[in-house]
PDB file of all heavy atoms in Angstrom:
ATOM      1  N   PHE A   1       2.079  -8.685 -31.519  1.00  0.00           N
ATOM      2  CA  PHE A   1       3.234  -9.456 -31.082  1.00  0.00           C
ATOM      3  C   PHE A   1       4.290  -8.645 -30.345  1.00  0.00           C
ATOM      4  O   PHE A   1       4.935  -9.146 -29.431  1.00  0.00           O
ATOM      5  CB  PHE A   1       3.887 -10.146 -32.285  1.00  0.00           C
ATOM      6  CG  PHE A   1       2.956 -11.070 -33.003  1.00  0.00           C
ATOM      7  CD1 PHE A   1       2.565 -10.814 -34.301  1.00  0.00           C
ATOM      8  CD2 PHE A   1       2.445 -12.190 -32.375  1.00  0.00           C
ATOM      9  CE1 PHE A   1       1.696 -11.649 -34.966  1.00  0.00           C
ATOM     10  CE2 PHE A   1       1.570 -13.039 -33.029  1.00  0.00           C
ATOM     11  CZ  PHE A   1       1.198 -12.766 -34.327  1.00  0.00           C
ATOM     12  N   LEU A   2       4.500  -7.403 -30.744  1.00  0.00           N
ATOM     13  CA  LEU A   2       5.617  -6.643 -30.186  1.00  0.00           C
ATOM     14  C   LEU A   2       5.228  -5.654 -29.104  1.00  0.00           C
ATOM     15  O   LEU A   2       6.095  -5.134 -28.421  1.00  0.00           O
ATOM     16  CB  LEU A   2       6.343  -5.893 -31.309  1.00  0.00           C
ATOM     17  CG  LEU A   2       6.927  -6.769 -32.416  1.00  0.00           C
ATOM     18  CD1 LEU A   2       7.547  -5.902 -33.486  1.00  0.00           C
ATOM     19  CD2 LEU A   2       7.926  -7.733 -31.841  1.00  0.00           C
ATOM     20  N   LEU A   3       3.939  -5.386 -28.935  1.00  0.00           N
ATOM     21  CA  LEU A   3       3.527  -4.366 -27.974  1.00  0.00           C
ATOM     22  C   LEU A   3       3.904  -4.744 -26.552  1.00  0.00           C
ATOM     23  O   LEU A   3       4.355  -3.902 -25.776  1.00  0.00           O
ATOM     24  CB  LEU A   3       2.020  -4.119 -28.068  1.00  0.00           C
ATOM     25  CG  LEU A   3       1.486  -3.003 -27.184  1.00  0.00           C
ATOM     26  CD1 LEU A   3       2.084  -1.669 -27.617  1.00  0.00           C
ATOM     27  CD2 LEU A   3      -0.020  -2.939 -27.249  1.00  0.00           C
ATOM     28  N   SER A   4       3.775  -6.012 -26.206  1.00  0.00           N
ATOM     29  CA  SER A   4       4.110  -6.414 -24.841  1.00  0.00           C
ATOM     30  C   SER A   4       5.602  -6.282 -24.563  1.00  0.00           C
ATOM     31  O   SER A   4       6.003  -6.038 -23.430  1.00  0.00           O
ATOM     32  CB  SER A   4       3.659  -7.852 -24.589  1.00  0.00           C
ATOM     33  OG  SER A   4       4.338  -8.731 -25.463  1.00  0.00           O
ATOM     34  N   PHE A   5       6.433  -6.417 -25.590  1.00  0.00           N
ATOM     35  CA  PHE A   5       7.871  -6.236 -25.400  1.00  0.00           C
ATOM     36  C   PHE A   5       8.249  -4.763 -25.338  1.00  0.00           C
ATOM     37  O   PHE A   5       9.223  -4.389 -24.693  1.00  0.00           O
ATOM     38  CB  PHE A   5       8.663  -6.899 -26.535  1.00  0.00           C
ATOM     39  CG  PHE A   5       8.565  -8.381 -26.535  1.00  0.00           C
ATOM     40  CD1 PHE A   5       7.873  -9.031 -27.530  1.00  0.00           C
ATOM     41  CD2 PHE A   5       9.160  -9.130 -25.539  1.00  0.00           C
ATOM     42  CE1 PHE A   5       7.777 -10.403 -27.551  1.00  0.00           C
ATOM     43  CE2 PHE A   5       9.056 -10.502 -25.541  1.00  0.00           C
ATOM     44  CZ  PHE A   5       8.371 -11.145 -26.547  1.00  0.00           C
ATOM     45  N   LYS A   6       7.496  -3.924 -26.048  1.00  0.00           N
ATOM     46  CA  LYS A   6       7.823  -2.504 -26.097  1.00  0.00           C
ATOM     47  C   LYS A   6       7.390  -1.762 -24.836  1.00  0.00           C
ATOM     48  O   LYS A   6       7.972  -0.744 -24.494  1.00  0.00           O
ATOM     49  CB  LYS A   6       7.159  -1.851 -27.308  1.00  0.00           C
ATOM     50  CG  LYS A   6       7.791  -2.248 -28.605  1.00  0.00           C
ATOM     51  CD  LYS A   6       7.120  -1.547 -29.754  1.00  0.00           C
ATOM     52  CE  LYS A   6       7.795  -1.914 -31.052  1.00  0.00           C
ATOM     53  NZ  LYS A   6       7.257  -1.155 -32.161  1.00  0.00           N
ATOM     54  N   ARG A   7       6.365  -2.252 -24.194  1.00  0.00           N
ATOM     55  CA  ARG A   7       5.889  -1.575 -22.985  1.00  0.00           C
ATOM     56  C   ARG A   7       6.846  -1.833 -21.846  1.00  0.00           C
ATOM     57  O   ARG A   7       7.272  -2.945 -21.608  1.00  0.00           O
ATOM     58  CB  ARG A   7       4.495  -2.075 -22.614  1.00  0.00           C
ATOM     59  CG  ARG A   7       3.477  -1.701 -23.646  1.00  0.00           C
ATOM     60  CD  ARG A   7       2.131  -2.125 -23.238  1.00  0.00           C
ATOM     61  NE  ARG A   7       1.715  -1.331 -22.095  1.00  0.00           N
ATOM     62  CZ  ARG A   7       0.612  -1.554 -21.404  1.00  0.00           C
ATOM     63  NH1 ARG A   7      -0.153  -2.542 -21.735  1.00  0.00           N
ATOM     64  NH2 ARG A   7       0.297  -0.798 -20.403  1.00  0.00           N
ATOM     65  N   ARG A   8       7.170  -0.814 -21.164  1.00  0.00           N
ATOM     66  CA  ARG A   8       8.063  -0.951 -20.016  1.00  0.00           C
ATOM     67  C   ARG A   8       7.227  -1.193 -18.773  1.00  0.00           C
ATOM     68  O   ARG A   8       6.242  -0.513 -18.522  1.00  0.00           O
ATOM     69  CB  ARG A   8       8.888   0.306 -19.837  1.00  0.00           C
ATOM     70  CG  ARG A   8       9.839   0.516 -20.969  1.00  0.00           C
ATOM     71  CD  ARG A   8      10.707   1.690 -20.707  1.00  0.00           C
ATOM     72  NE  ARG A   8      11.609   1.872 -21.835  1.00  0.00           N
ATOM     73  CZ  ARG A   8      12.368   2.901 -21.989  1.00  0.00           C
ATOM     74  NH1 ARG A   8      12.363   3.867 -21.109  1.00  0.00           N
ATOM     75  NH2 ARG A   8      13.153   2.995 -23.024  1.00  0.00           N
ATOM     76  N   HIS A   9       7.646  -2.157 -18.023  1.00  0.00           N
ATOM     77  CA  HIS A   9       6.941  -2.478 -16.794  1.00  0.00           C
ATOM     78  C   HIS A   9       7.749  -1.932 -15.627  1.00  0.00           C
ATOM     79  O   HIS A   9       8.412  -2.660 -14.897  1.00  0.00           O
ATOM     80  CB  HIS A   9       6.745  -3.987 -16.658  1.00  0.00           C
ATOM     81  CG  HIS A   9       5.929  -4.556 -17.773  1.00  0.00           C
ATOM     82  ND1 HIS A   9       4.584  -4.334 -17.887  1.00  0.00           N
ATOM     83  CD2 HIS A   9       6.260  -5.306 -18.839  1.00  0.00           C
ATOM     84  CE1 HIS A   9       4.124  -4.938 -18.960  1.00  0.00           C
ATOM     85  NE2 HIS A   9       5.128  -5.536 -19.565  1.00  0.00           N
ATOM     86  N   ASN A  10       7.698  -0.637 -15.463  1.00  0.00           N
ATOM     87  CA  ASN A  10       8.402  -0.003 -14.351  1.00  0.00           C
ATOM     88  C   ASN A  10       7.501  -0.033 -13.123  1.00  0.00           C
ATOM     89  O   ASN A  10       6.372   0.429 -13.149  1.00  0.00           O
ATOM     90  CB  ASN A  10       8.766   1.446 -14.677  1.00  0.00           C
ATOM     91  CG  ASN A  10       9.801   1.525 -15.782  1.00  0.00           C
ATOM     92  OD1 ASN A  10      10.560   0.589 -15.987  1.00  0.00           O
ATOM     93  ND2 ASN A  10       9.820   2.635 -16.486  1.00  0.00           N
ATOM     94  N   ARG A  11       8.008  -0.591 -12.086  1.00  0.00           N
ATOM     95  CA  ARG A  11       7.255  -0.647 -10.842  1.00  0.00           C
ATOM     96  C   ARG A  11       7.543   0.616 -10.033  1.00  0.00           C
ATOM     97  O   ARG A  11       8.646   1.144 -10.042  1.00  0.00           O
ATOM     98  CB  ARG A  11       7.677  -1.866 -10.023  1.00  0.00           C
ATOM     99  CG  ARG A  11       7.531  -3.165 -10.776  1.00  0.00           C
ATOM    100  CD  ARG A  11       6.127  -3.659 -10.657  1.00  0.00           C
ATOM    101  NE  ARG A  11       6.025  -4.965 -11.288  1.00  0.00           N
ATOM    102  CZ  ARG A  11       5.023  -5.312 -12.021  1.00  0.00           C
ATOM    103  NH1 ARG A  11       4.038  -4.500 -12.219  1.00  0.00           N
ATOM    104  NH2 ARG A  11       4.985  -6.507 -12.576  1.00  0.00           N
ATOM    105  N   VAL A  12       6.560   1.079  -9.316  1.00  0.00           N
ATOM    106  CA  VAL A  12       6.739   2.218  -8.443  1.00  0.00           C
ATOM    107  C   VAL A  12       7.373   1.717  -7.155  1.00  0.00           C
ATOM    108  O   VAL A  12       6.884   0.781  -6.524  1.00  0.00           O
ATOM    109  CB  VAL A  12       5.387   2.914  -8.154  1.00  0.00           C
ATOM    110  CG1 VAL A  12       5.561   4.028  -7.165  1.00  0.00           C
ATOM    111  CG2 VAL A  12       4.782   3.412  -9.438  1.00  0.00           C
ATOM    112  N   ARG A  13       8.468   2.345  -6.800  1.00  0.00           N
ATOM    113  CA  ARG A  13       9.172   1.924  -5.593  1.00  0.00           C
ATOM    114  C   ARG A  13       8.731   2.799  -4.433  1.00  0.00           C
ATOM    115  O   ARG A  13       8.747   4.021  -4.516  1.00  0.00           O
ATOM    116  CB  ARG A  13      10.679   2.071  -5.810  1.00  0.00           C
ATOM    117  CG  ARG A  13      11.478   1.485  -4.696  1.00  0.00           C
ATOM    118  CD  ARG A  13      12.931   1.608  -5.012  1.00  0.00           C
ATOM    119  NE  ARG A  13      13.565   2.248  -3.875  1.00  0.00           N
ATOM    120  CZ  ARG A  13      14.778   2.702  -3.885  1.00  0.00           C
ATOM    121  NH1 ARG A  13      15.482   2.648  -4.972  1.00  0.00           N
ATOM    122  NH2 ARG A  13      15.284   3.247  -2.824  1.00  0.00           N
ATOM    123  N   ALA A  14       8.319   2.182  -3.367  1.00  0.00           N
ATOM    124  CA  ALA A  14       7.885   2.913  -2.176  1.00  0.00           C
ATOM    125  C   ALA A  14       8.641   2.366  -0.973  1.00  0.00           C
ATOM    126  O   ALA A  14       8.471   1.210  -0.592  1.00  0.00           O
ATOM    127  CB  ALA A  14       6.386   2.766  -1.976  1.00  0.00           C
ATOM    128  N   ASP A  15       9.505   3.177  -0.421  1.00  0.00           N
ATOM    129  CA  ASP A  15      10.252   2.792   0.778  1.00  0.00           C
ATOM    130  C   ASP A  15       9.559   3.375   2.003  1.00  0.00           C
ATOM    131  O   ASP A  15       8.958   4.452   1.948  1.00  0.00           O
ATOM    132  CB  ASP A  15      11.688   3.312   0.713  1.00  0.00           C
ATOM    133  CG  ASP A  15      12.478   2.674  -0.407  1.00  0.00           C
ATOM    134  OD1 ASP A  15      12.168   1.520  -0.754  1.00  0.00           O
ATOM    135  OD2 ASP A  15      13.395   3.327  -0.929  1.00  0.00           O
ATOM    136  N   ASP A  16       9.654   2.667   3.106  1.00  0.00           N
ATOM    137  CA  ASP A  16       9.110   3.193   4.352  1.00  0.00           C
ATOM    138  C   ASP A  16       9.952   4.388   4.794  1.00  0.00           C
ATOM    139  O   ASP A  16      11.179   4.368   4.752  1.00  0.00           O
ATOM    140  CB  ASP A  16       9.129   2.116   5.438  1.00  0.00           C
ATOM    141  CG  ASP A  16       8.117   1.015   5.148  1.00  0.00           C
ATOM    142  OD1 ASP A  16       7.108   1.335   4.477  1.00  0.00           O
ATOM    143  OD2 ASP A  16       8.330  -0.123   5.586  1.00  0.00           O
ATOM    144  N   VAL A  17       9.268   5.425   5.221  1.00  0.00           N
ATOM    145  CA  VAL A  17       9.935   6.651   5.646  1.00  0.00           C
ATOM    146  C   VAL A  17      10.087   6.611   7.153  1.00  0.00           C
ATOM    147  O   VAL A  17       9.131   6.355   7.892  1.00  0.00           O
ATOM    148  CB  VAL A  17       9.109   7.880   5.220  1.00  0.00           C
ATOM    149  CG1 VAL A  17       9.768   9.166   5.658  1.00  0.00           C
ATOM    150  CG2 VAL A  17       8.905   7.865   3.717  1.00  0.00           C
ATOM    151  N   ALA A  18      11.321   6.882   7.625  1.00  0.00           N
ATOM    152  CA  ALA A  18      11.571   6.860   9.065  1.00  0.00           C
ATOM    153  C   ALA A  18      10.913   8.070   9.732  1.00  0.00           C
ATOM    154  O   ALA A  18      10.322   7.955  10.799  1.00  0.00           O
ATOM    155  CB  ALA A  18      13.073   6.851   9.336  1.00  0.00           C
ATOM    156  N   CYS A  19      11.007   9.222   9.127  1.00  0.00           N
ATOM    157  CA  CYS A  19      10.413  10.435   9.681  1.00  0.00           C
ATOM    158  C   CYS A  19       9.153  10.741   8.881  1.00  0.00           C
ATOM    159  O   CYS A  19       9.215  11.132   7.732  1.00  0.00           O
ATOM    160  CB  CYS A  19      11.405  11.596   9.597  1.00  0.00           C
ATOM    161  SG  CYS A  19      10.722  13.140  10.195  1.00  0.00           S
ATOM    162  N   ARG A  20       7.992  10.593   9.507  1.00  0.00           N
ATOM    163  CA  ARG A  20       6.731  10.765   8.793  1.00  0.00           C
ATOM    164  C   ARG A  20       6.183  12.182   8.907  1.00  0.00           C
ATOM    165  O   ARG A  20       5.020  12.420   8.618  1.00  0.00           O
ATOM    166  CB  ARG A  20       5.711   9.769   9.325  1.00  0.00           C
ATOM    167  CG  ARG A  20       6.110   8.340   9.036  1.00  0.00           C
ATOM    168  CD  ARG A  20       5.058   7.384   9.533  1.00  0.00           C
ATOM    169  NE  ARG A  20       5.466   6.025   9.314  1.00  0.00           N
ATOM    170  CZ  ARG A  20       5.055   5.280   8.297  1.00  0.00           C
ATOM    171  NH1 ARG A  20       4.208   5.775   7.437  1.00  0.00           N
ATOM    172  NH2 ARG A  20       5.480   4.047   8.166  1.00  0.00           N
ATOM    173  N   GLU A  21       7.005  13.116   9.284  1.00  0.00           N
ATOM    174  CA  GLU A  21       6.524  14.481   9.423  1.00  0.00           C
ATOM    175  C   GLU A  21       6.611  15.275   8.128  1.00  0.00           C
ATOM    176  O   GLU A  21       6.001  16.315   7.997  1.00  0.00           O
ATOM    177  CB  GLU A  21       7.345  15.197  10.499  1.00  0.00           C
ATOM    178  CG  GLU A  21       7.181  14.581  11.874  1.00  0.00           C
ATOM    179  CD  GLU A  21       8.137  15.173  12.887  1.00  0.00           C
ATOM    180  OE1 GLU A  21       8.859  16.108  12.539  1.00  0.00           O
ATOM    181  OE2 GLU A  21       8.149  14.698  14.019  1.00  0.00           O
ATOM    182  N   LEU A  22       7.365  14.800   7.179  1.00  0.00           N
ATOM    183  CA  LEU A  22       7.570  15.542   5.946  1.00  0.00           C
ATOM    184  C   LEU A  22       7.357  14.613   4.754  1.00  0.00           C
ATOM    185  O   LEU A  22       7.886  13.511   4.716  1.00  0.00           O
ATOM    186  CB  LEU A  22       8.999  16.107   5.898  1.00  0.00           C
ATOM    187  CG  LEU A  22       9.388  16.849   4.629  1.00  0.00           C
ATOM    188  CD1 LEU A  22       8.584  18.135   4.509  1.00  0.00           C
ATOM    189  CD2 LEU A  22      10.866  17.152   4.649  1.00  0.00           C
ATOM    190  N   THR A  23       6.575  15.067   3.801  1.00  0.00           N
ATOM    191  CA  THR A  23       6.355  14.307   2.571  1.00  0.00           C
ATOM    192  C   THR A  23       6.651  15.210   1.388  1.00  0.00           C
ATOM    193  O   THR A  23       6.186  16.343   1.333  1.00  0.00           O
ATOM    194  CB  THR A  23       4.899  13.815   2.478  1.00  0.00           C
ATOM    195  OG1 THR A  23       4.610  13.010   3.621  1.00  0.00           O
ATOM    196  CG2 THR A  23       4.680  13.007   1.221  1.00  0.00           C
ATOM    197  N   VAL A  24       7.431  14.708   0.455  1.00  0.00           N
ATOM    198  CA  VAL A  24       7.787  15.464  -0.748  1.00  0.00           C
ATOM    199  C   VAL A  24       7.337  14.655  -1.954  1.00  0.00           C
ATOM    200  O   VAL A  24       7.624  13.470  -2.053  1.00  0.00           O
ATOM    201  CB  VAL A  24       9.309  15.717  -0.820  1.00  0.00           C
ATOM    202  CG1 VAL A  24       9.669  16.423  -2.114  1.00  0.00           C
ATOM    203  CG2 VAL A  24       9.775  16.508   0.376  1.00  0.00           C
ATOM    204  N   ALA A  25       6.631  15.293  -2.860  1.00  0.00           N
ATOM    205  CA  ALA A  25       6.209  14.636  -4.093  1.00  0.00           C
ATOM    206  C   ALA A  25       6.748  15.444  -5.269  1.00  0.00           C
ATOM    207  O   ALA A  25       6.536  16.655  -5.350  1.00  0.00           O
ATOM    208  CB  ALA A  25       4.689  14.561  -4.165  1.00  0.00           C
ATOM    209  N   LEU A  26       7.469  14.781  -6.150  1.00  0.00           N
ATOM    210  CA  LEU A  26       8.016  15.432  -7.335  1.00  0.00           C
ATOM    211  C   LEU A  26       7.426  14.774  -8.571  1.00  0.00           C
ATOM    212  O   LEU A  26       7.371  13.554  -8.662  1.00  0.00           O
ATOM    213  CB  LEU A  26       9.544  15.286  -7.381  1.00  0.00           C
ATOM    214  CG  LEU A  26      10.336  15.956  -6.272  1.00  0.00           C
ATOM    215  CD1 LEU A  26      11.802  15.581  -6.393  1.00  0.00           C
ATOM    216  CD2 LEU A  26      10.176  17.452  -6.361  1.00  0.00           C
ATOM    217  N   THR A  27       6.990  15.573  -9.504  1.00  0.00           N
ATOM    218  CA  THR A  27       6.577  15.024 -10.788  1.00  0.00           C
ATOM    219  C   THR A  27       7.795  15.118 -11.690  1.00  0.00           C
ATOM    220  O   THR A  27       8.224  16.199 -12.065  1.00  0.00           O
ATOM    221  CB  THR A  27       5.407  15.821 -11.374  1.00  0.00           C
ATOM    222  OG1 THR A  27       5.790  17.180 -11.480  1.00  0.00           O
ATOM    223  CG2 THR A  27       4.180  15.708 -10.492  1.00  0.00           C
ATOM    224  N   ALA A  28       8.365  13.994 -11.997  1.00  0.00           N
ATOM    225  CA  ALA A  28       9.621  13.991 -12.753  1.00  0.00           C
ATOM    226  C   ALA A  28       9.635  12.886 -13.792  1.00  0.00           C
ATOM    227  O   ALA A  28      10.560  12.114 -13.876  1.00  0.00           O
ATOM    228  CB  ALA A  28      10.786  13.835 -11.786  1.00  0.00           C
TER     229      ALA A  28
END
């Protein structure tokens, strides 16, 4: 009963990048 309420449904946000020459990935 409570597992669905306890799980967080965080969506990954992906914005379009204006300058596609540089990509940065951080594990945070």
